[in-house]
Structures are given as C-alpha cells and as structure tokens.
Amino acid sequence: MCVALPGRVIELNGTKASVDFSGNIVNAEAGLVNVKVGDRVLVHAGCIIQTMDDCMADELEELFREIEDINV
C-alpha cells in the first residue's frame, strides 16, 4: 500500500522541489501541479499531486502522528 504524505515546499529548481516532511527533506517532481515555495503539498510516489491549505495539511499530519502512537 502506498500513502500520500503532506509536506511543505522549501525550494524549487525547475520541475523539482525540495519538500520538508517534519524535518526530512525529500526531492519530489513538481511538474504536475503549479507550486511555489511555502506551499503545503501532498506527495505520492515522489510526485506532488496537489496543494493543500494549512488546515487540511495540519489535520493529515495530526492523523499520521496518532497512527504512529498506536501500539499494536
């Protein structure tokens, strides 16, 4: 199963973006969606697939934190 993760664009270089995922910096393809530095984005399989407002991105990040805290 693949999961799309929320992050923040911190740098653009052509169609490549550096995206910050809570301190982990990953390069992602930015050519599918118009993005700018500072945008909150959803990344799947190395590609930015959409931009999000801060409220939605914060909700997703909180859900992922809750999932991490579940002890199975």
PDB file of N, CA and C in Angstrom:
ATOM      1  N   MET A   1       0.841  -1.179   0.000  1.00  0.00           N
ATOM      2  CA  MET A   1       0.000   0.000   0.000  1.00  0.00           C
ATOM      3  C   MET A   1       0.885   1.240   0.000  1.00  0.00           C
ATOM      4  N   CYS A   2       0.520   2.210  -0.802  1.00  0.00           N
ATOM      5  CA  CYS A   2       1.247   3.479  -0.858  1.00  0.00           C
ATOM      6  C   CYS A   2       0.387   4.563  -0.224  1.00  0.00           C
ATOM      7  N   VAL A   3       1.041   5.474   0.462  1.00  0.00           N
ATOM      8  CA  VAL A   3       0.344   6.553   1.149  1.00  0.00           C
ATOM      9  C   VAL A   3       0.912   7.881   0.679  1.00  0.00           C
ATOM     10  N   ALA A   4       0.046   8.839   0.414  1.00  0.00           N
ATOM     11  CA  ALA A   4       0.485  10.191   0.086  1.00  0.00           C
ATOM     12  C   ALA A   4       0.709  10.938   1.395  1.00  0.00           C
ATOM     13  N   LEU A   5       1.792  11.707   1.459  1.00  0.00           N
ATOM     14  CA  LEU A   5       2.158  12.407   2.682  1.00  0.00           C
ATOM     15  C   LEU A   5       2.155  13.919   2.480  1.00  0.00           C
ATOM     16  N   PRO A   6       1.745  14.663   3.510  1.00  0.00           N
ATOM     17  CA  PRO A   6       1.774  16.118   3.426  1.00  0.00           C
ATOM     18  C   PRO A   6       3.160  16.658   3.772  1.00  0.00           C
ATOM     19  N   GLY A   7       3.563  17.709   3.066  1.00  0.00           N
ATOM     20  CA  GLY A   7       4.835  18.373   3.336  1.00  0.00           C
ATOM     21  C   GLY A   7       4.768  19.822   2.906  1.00  0.00           C
ATOM     22  N   ARG A   8       5.911  20.519   3.035  1.00  0.00           N
ATOM     23  CA  ARG A   8       5.978  21.931   2.650  1.00  0.00           C
ATOM     24  C   ARG A   8       7.131  22.123   1.669  1.00  0.00           C
ATOM     25  N   VAL A   9       6.854  22.788   0.554  1.00  0.00           N
ATOM     26  CA  VAL A   9       7.879  23.079  -0.443  1.00  0.00           C
ATOM     27  C   VAL A   9       8.832  24.119   0.136  1.00  0.00           C
ATOM     28  N   ILE A  10      10.132  23.781   0.152  1.00  0.00           N
ATOM     29  CA  ILE A  10      11.111  24.729   0.682  1.00  0.00           C
ATOM     30  C   ILE A  10      12.050  25.261  -0.393  1.00  0.00           C
ATOM     31  N   GLU A  11      12.069  24.602  -1.562  1.00  0.00           N
ATOM     32  CA  GLU A  11      12.928  25.067  -2.652  1.00  0.00           C
ATOM     33  C   GLU A  11      12.411  24.496  -3.966  1.00  0.00           C
ATOM     34  N   LEU A  12      12.529  25.280  -5.024  1.00  0.00           N
ATOM     35  CA  LEU A  12      12.173  24.832  -6.372  1.00  0.00           C
ATOM     36  C   LEU A  12      13.370  24.974  -7.285  1.00  0.00           C
ATOM     37  N   ASN A  13      13.536  23.973  -8.161  1.00  0.00           N
ATOM     38  CA  ASN A  13      14.595  24.002  -9.161  1.00  0.00           C
ATOM     39  C   ASN A  13      14.017  23.378 -10.423  1.00  0.00           C
ATOM     40  N   GLY A  14      13.464  24.206 -11.286  1.00  0.00           N
ATOM     41  CA  GLY A  14      12.787  23.697 -12.474  1.00  0.00           C
ATOM     42  C   GLY A  14      11.527  22.958 -12.060  1.00  0.00           C
ATOM     43  N   THR A  15      11.427  21.689 -12.479  1.00  0.00           N
ATOM     44  CA  THR A  15      10.257  20.896 -12.102  1.00  0.00           C
ATOM     45  C   THR A  15      10.534  20.022 -10.883  1.00  0.00           C
ATOM     46  N   LYS A  16      11.615  20.264 -10.208  1.00  0.00           N
ATOM     47  CA  LYS A  16      11.947  19.516  -8.979  1.00  0.00           C
ATOM     48  C   LYS A  16      11.731  20.424  -7.771  1.00  0.00           C
ATOM     49  N   ALA A  17      11.238  19.835  -6.700  1.00  0.00           N
ATOM     50  CA  ALA A  17      11.014  20.583  -5.466  1.00  0.00           C
ATOM     51  C   ALA A  17      11.653  19.851  -4.302  1.00  0.00           C
ATOM     52  N   SER A  18      12.205  20.608  -3.376  1.00  0.00           N
ATOM     53  CA  SER A  18      12.626  20.050  -2.096  1.00  0.00           C
ATOM     54  C   SER A  18      11.446  20.235  -1.160  1.00  0.00           C
ATOM     55  N   VAL A  19      11.000  19.122  -0.572  1.00  0.00           N
ATOM     56  CA  VAL A  19       9.825  19.139   0.291  1.00  0.00           C
ATOM     57  C   VAL A  19      10.232  18.704   1.688  1.00  0.00           C
ATOM     58  N   ASP A  20       9.813  19.480   2.670  1.00  0.00           N
ATOM     59  CA  ASP A  20      10.110  19.199   4.075  1.00  0.00           C
ATOM     60  C   ASP A  20       8.956  18.411   4.686  1.00  0.00           C
ATOM     61  N   PHE A  21       9.281  17.202   5.159  1.00  0.00           N
ATOM     62  CA  PHE A  21       8.330  16.367   5.878  1.00  0.00           C
ATOM     63  C   PHE A  21       8.799  16.298   7.328  1.00  0.00           C
ATOM     64  N   SER A  22       8.400  17.254   8.135  1.00  0.00           N
ATOM     65  CA  SER A  22       8.769  17.289   9.560  1.00  0.00           C
ATOM     66  C   SER A  22      10.266  17.135   9.767  1.00  0.00           C
ATOM     67  N   GLY A  23      11.047  17.861   8.985  1.00  0.00           N
ATOM     68  CA  GLY A  23      12.497  17.827   9.130  1.00  0.00           C
ATOM     69  C   GLY A  23      13.213  16.892   8.175  1.00  0.00           C
ATOM     70  N   ASN A  24      12.504  16.012   7.519  1.00  0.00           N
ATOM     71  CA  ASN A  24      13.082  15.135   6.490  1.00  0.00           C
ATOM     72  C   ASN A  24      12.879  15.805   5.138  1.00  0.00           C
ATOM     73  N   ILE A  25      13.980  16.112   4.465  1.00  0.00           N
ATOM     74  CA  ILE A  25      13.914  16.807   3.179  1.00  0.00           C
ATOM     75  C   ILE A  25      14.006  15.781   2.059  1.00  0.00           C
ATOM     76  N   VAL A  26      13.031  15.825   1.157  1.00  0.00           N
ATOM     77  CA  VAL A  26      12.941  14.872   0.049  1.00  0.00           C
ATOM     78  C   VAL A  26      12.742  15.653  -1.243  1.00  0.00           C
ATOM     79  N   ASN A  27      13.363  15.191  -2.324  1.00  0.00           N
ATOM     80  CA  ASN A  27      13.140  15.780  -3.641  1.00  0.00           C
ATOM     81  C   ASN A  27      11.922  15.129  -4.274  1.00  0.00           C
ATOM     82  N   ALA A  28      11.068  15.952  -4.862  1.00  0.00           N
ATOM     83  CA  ALA A  28       9.844  15.456  -5.492  1.00  0.00           C
ATOM     84  C   ALA A  28       9.639  16.149  -6.828  1.00  0.00           C
ATOM     85  N   GLU A  29       8.971  15.464  -7.720  1.00  0.00           N
ATOM     86  CA  GLU A  29       8.612  16.027  -9.020  1.00  0.00           C
ATOM     87  C   GLU A  29       7.487  17.037  -8.815  1.00  0.00           C
ATOM     88  N   ALA A  30       7.702  18.254  -9.302  1.00  0.00           N
ATOM     89  CA  ALA A  30       6.724  19.324  -9.111  1.00  0.00           C
ATOM     90  C   ALA A  30       6.063  19.734 -10.423  1.00  0.00           C
ATOM     91  N   GLY A  31       6.280  19.005 -11.483  1.00  0.00           N
ATOM     92  CA  GLY A  31       5.772  19.406 -12.789  1.00  0.00           C
ATOM     93  C   GLY A  31       4.306  19.125 -13.035  1.00  0.00           C
ATOM     94  N   LEU A  32       3.649  18.393 -12.135  1.00  0.00           N
ATOM     95  CA  LEU A  32       2.240  18.058 -12.345  1.00  0.00           C
ATOM     96  C   LEU A  32       1.288  19.122 -11.820  1.00  0.00           C
ATOM     97  N   VAL A  33       1.752  19.921 -10.861  1.00  0.00           N
ATOM     98  CA  VAL A  33       0.916  20.909 -10.182  1.00  0.00           C
ATOM     99  C   VAL A  33       1.698  22.216 -10.077  1.00  0.00           C
ATOM    100  N   ASN A  34       1.030  23.333 -10.217  1.00  0.00           N
ATOM    101  CA  ASN A  34       1.691  24.627 -10.022  1.00  0.00           C
ATOM    102  C   ASN A  34       1.926  24.841  -8.532  1.00  0.00           C
ATOM    103  N   VAL A  35       3.192  24.904  -8.137  1.00  0.00           N
ATOM    104  CA  VAL A  35       3.533  25.105  -6.730  1.00  0.00           C
ATOM    105  C   VAL A  35       4.540  26.235  -6.600  1.00  0.00           C
ATOM    106  N   LYS A  36       4.625  26.775  -5.386  1.00  0.00           N
ATOM    107  CA  LYS A  36       5.623  27.790  -5.083  1.00  0.00           C
ATOM    108  C   LYS A  36       6.204  27.483  -3.708  1.00  0.00           C
ATOM    109  N   VAL A  37       7.341  28.066  -3.414  1.00  0.00           N
ATOM    110  CA  VAL A  37       7.979  27.866  -2.123  1.00  0.00           C
ATOM    111  C   VAL A  37       7.004  28.293  -1.028  1.00  0.00           C
ATOM    112  N   GLY A  38       6.879  27.452  -0.015  1.00  0.00           N
ATOM    113  CA  GLY A  38       5.971  27.712   1.095  1.00  0.00           C
ATOM    114  C   GLY A  38       4.654  26.970   0.999  1.00  0.00           C
ATOM    115  N   ASP A  39       4.315  26.459  -0.203  1.00  0.00           N
ATOM    116  CA  ASP A  39       3.063  25.723  -0.363  1.00  0.00           C
ATOM    117  C   ASP A  39       3.081  24.435   0.444  1.00  0.00           C
ATOM    118  N   ARG A  40       1.935  24.094   1.013  1.00  0.00           N
ATOM    119  CA  ARG A  40       1.727  22.783   1.624  1.00  0.00           C
ATOM    120  C   ARG A  40       1.237  21.887   0.502  1.00  0.00           C
ATOM    121  N   VAL A  41       1.841  20.712   0.378  1.00  0.00           N
ATOM    122  CA  VAL A  41       1.553  19.831  -0.749  1.00  0.00           C
ATOM    123  C   VAL A  41       1.364  18.392  -0.275  1.00  0.00           C
ATOM    124  N   LEU A  42       0.739  17.595  -1.118  1.00  0.00           N
ATOM    125  CA  LEU A  42       0.580  16.170  -0.899  1.00  0.00           C
ATOM    126  C   LEU A  42       1.466  15.461  -1.912  1.00  0.00           C
ATOM    127  N   VAL A  43       2.340  14.563  -1.420  1.00  0.00           N
ATOM    128  CA  VAL A  43       3.310  13.884  -2.281  1.00  0.00           C
ATOM    129  C   VAL A  43       3.024  12.390  -2.275  1.00  0.00           C
ATOM    130  N   HIS A  44       2.946  11.822  -3.468  1.00  0.00           N
ATOM    131  CA  HIS A  44       2.724  10.386  -3.630  1.00  0.00           C
ATOM    132  C   HIS A  44       3.708   9.858  -4.669  1.00  0.00           C
ATOM    133  N   ALA A  45       4.415   8.802  -4.308  1.00  0.00           N
ATOM    134  CA  ALA A  45       5.354   8.141  -5.225  1.00  0.00           C
ATOM    135  C   ALA A  45       6.352   9.133  -5.826  1.00  0.00           C
ATOM    136  N   GLY A  46       6.800  10.093  -5.020  1.00  0.00           N
ATOM    137  CA  GLY A  46       7.808  11.041  -5.473  1.00  0.00           C
ATOM    138  C   GLY A  46       7.290  12.189  -6.305  1.00  0.00           C
ATOM    139  N   CYS A  47       5.965  12.325  -6.409  1.00  0.00           N
ATOM    140  CA  CYS A  47       5.368  13.397  -7.204  1.00  0.00           C
ATOM    141  C   CYS A  47       4.402  14.217  -6.352  1.00  0.00           C
ATOM    142  N   ILE A  48       4.482  15.522  -6.491  1.00  0.00           N
ATOM    143  CA  ILE A  48       3.490  16.381  -5.857  1.00  0.00           C
ATOM    144  C   ILE A  48       2.198  16.230  -6.640  1.00  0.00           C
ATOM    145  N   ILE A  49       1.132  15.804  -5.937  1.00  0.00           N
ATOM    146  CA  ILE A  49      -0.128  15.556  -6.638  1.00  0.00           C
ATOM    147  C   ILE A  49      -1.182  16.619  -6.365  1.00  0.00           C
ATOM    148  N   GLN A  50      -0.976  17.452  -5.325  1.00  0.00           N
ATOM    149  CA  GLN A  50      -1.895  18.564  -5.096  1.00  0.00           C
ATOM    150  C   GLN A  50      -1.340  19.495  -4.036  1.00  0.00           C
ATOM    151  N   THR A  51      -1.838  20.720  -4.059  1.00  0.00           N
ATOM    152  CA  THR A  51      -1.546  21.653  -2.976  1.00  0.00           C
ATOM    153  C   THR A  51      -2.703  21.570  -1.988  1.00  0.00           C
ATOM    154  N   MET A  52      -2.433  21.987  -0.746  1.00  0.00           N
ATOM    155  CA  MET A  52      -3.460  21.943   0.296  1.00  0.00           C
ATOM    156  C   MET A  52      -3.387  23.223   1.113  1.00  0.00           C
ATOM    157  N   ASP A  53      -4.511  23.574   1.734  1.00  0.00           N
ATOM    158  CA  ASP A  53      -4.456  24.687   2.675  1.00  0.00           C
ATOM    159  C   ASP A  53      -3.864  24.184   3.987  1.00  0.00           C
ATOM    160  N   ASP A  54      -3.457  25.114   4.838  1.00  0.00           N
ATOM    161  CA  ASP A  54      -2.799  24.750   6.090  1.00  0.00           C
ATOM    162  C   ASP A  54      -3.687  23.886   6.973  1.00  0.00           C
ATOM    163  N   CYS A  55      -4.972  24.157   7.011  1.00  0.00           N
ATOM    164  CA  CYS A  55      -5.892  23.401   7.864  1.00  0.00           C
ATOM    165  C   CYS A  55      -5.902  21.923   7.475  1.00  0.00           C
ATOM    166  N   MET A  56      -6.036  21.640   6.194  1.00  0.00           N
ATOM    167  CA  MET A  56      -6.067  20.255   5.724  1.00  0.00           C
ATOM    168  C   MET A  56      -4.734  19.561   5.974  1.00  0.00           C
ATOM    169  N   ALA A  57      -3.637  20.239   5.695  1.00  0.00           N
ATOM    170  CA  ALA A  57      -2.316  19.649   5.916  1.00  0.00           C
ATOM    171  C   ALA A  57      -2.095  19.362   7.399  1.00  0.00           C
ATOM    172  N   ASP A  58      -2.499  20.290   8.273  1.00  0.00           N
ATOM    173  CA  ASP A  58      -2.355  20.074   9.714  1.00  0.00           C
ATOM    174  C   ASP A  58      -3.170  18.873  10.173  1.00  0.00           C
ATOM    175  N   GLU A  59      -4.388  18.730   9.657  1.00  0.00           N
ATOM    176  CA  GLU A  59      -5.236  17.583  10.016  1.00  0.00           C
ATOM    177  C   GLU A  59      -4.574  16.268   9.612  1.00  0.00           C
ATOM    178  N   LEU A  60      -4.043  16.209   8.399  1.00  0.00           N
ATOM    179  CA  LEU A  60      -3.386  14.990   7.937  1.00  0.00           C
ATOM    180  C   LEU A  60      -2.155  14.658   8.778  1.00  0.00           C
ATOM    181  N   GLU A  61      -1.355  15.678   9.084  1.00  0.00           N
ATOM    182  CA  GLU A  61      -0.167  15.442   9.900  1.00  0.00           C
ATOM    183  C   GLU A  61      -0.555  14.931  11.286  1.00  0.00           C
ATOM    184  N   GLU A  62      -1.625  15.484  11.865  1.00  0.00           N
ATOM    185  CA  GLU A  62      -2.090  15.021  13.172  1.00  0.00           C
ATOM    186  C   GLU A  62      -2.558  13.565  13.103  1.00  0.00           C
ATOM    187  N   LEU A  63      -3.270  13.203  12.039  1.00  0.00           N
ATOM    188  CA  LEU A  63      -3.707  11.817  11.880  1.00  0.00           C
ATOM    189  C   LEU A  63      -2.522  10.860  11.784  1.00  0.00           C
ATOM    190  N   PHE A  64      -1.495  11.242  11.047  1.00  0.00           N
ATOM    191  CA  PHE A  64      -0.313  10.392  10.938  1.00  0.00           C
ATOM    192  C   PHE A  64       0.396  10.267  12.281  1.00  0.00           C
ATOM    193  N   ARG A  65       0.438  11.348  13.072  1.00  0.00           N
ATOM    194  CA  ARG A  65       1.044  11.265  14.414  1.00  0.00           C
ATOM    195  C   ARG A  65       0.259  10.304  15.300  1.00  0.00           C
ATOM    196  N   GLU A  66      -1.073  10.369  15.215  1.00  0.00           N
ATOM    197  CA  GLU A  66      -1.902   9.459  16.001  1.00  0.00           C
ATOM    198  C   GLU A  66      -1.670   8.006  15.602  1.00  0.00           C
ATOM    199  N   ILE A  67      -1.549   7.760  14.310  1.00  0.00           N
ATOM    200  CA  ILE A  67      -1.293   6.402  13.830  1.00  0.00           C
ATOM    201  C   ILE A  67       0.037   5.895  14.349  1.00  0.00           C
ATOM    202  N   GLU A  68       1.062   6.762  14.338  1.00  0.00           N
ATOM    203  CA  GLU A  68       2.384   6.370  14.841  1.00  0.00           C
ATOM    204  C   GLU A  68       2.330   5.989  16.310  1.00  0.00           C
ATOM    205  N   ASP A  69       1.436   6.613  17.071  1.00  0.00           N
ATOM    206  CA  ASP A  69       1.338   6.373  18.514  1.00  0.00           C
ATOM    207  C   ASP A  69       0.580   5.096  18.874  1.00  0.00           C
ATOM    208  N   ILE A  70      -0.083   4.499  17.907  1.00  0.00           N
ATOM    209  CA  ILE A  70      -0.853   3.273  18.182  1.00  0.00           C
ATOM    210  C   ILE A  70       0.130   2.117  18.388  1.00  0.00           C
ATOM    211  N   ASN A  71      -0.016   1.444  19.494  1.00  0.00           N
ATOM    212  CA  ASN A  71       0.802   0.255  19.774  1.00  0.00           C
ATOM    213  C   ASN A  71      -0.009  -0.979  19.424  1.00  0.00           C
ATOM    214  N   VAL A  72       0.485  -1.755  18.491  1.00  0.00           N
ATOM    215  CA  VAL A  72      -0.230  -2.954  18.062  1.00  0.00           C
ATOM    216  C   VAL A  72       0.282  -4.138  18.833  1.00  0.00           C
TER     217      VAL A  72
END
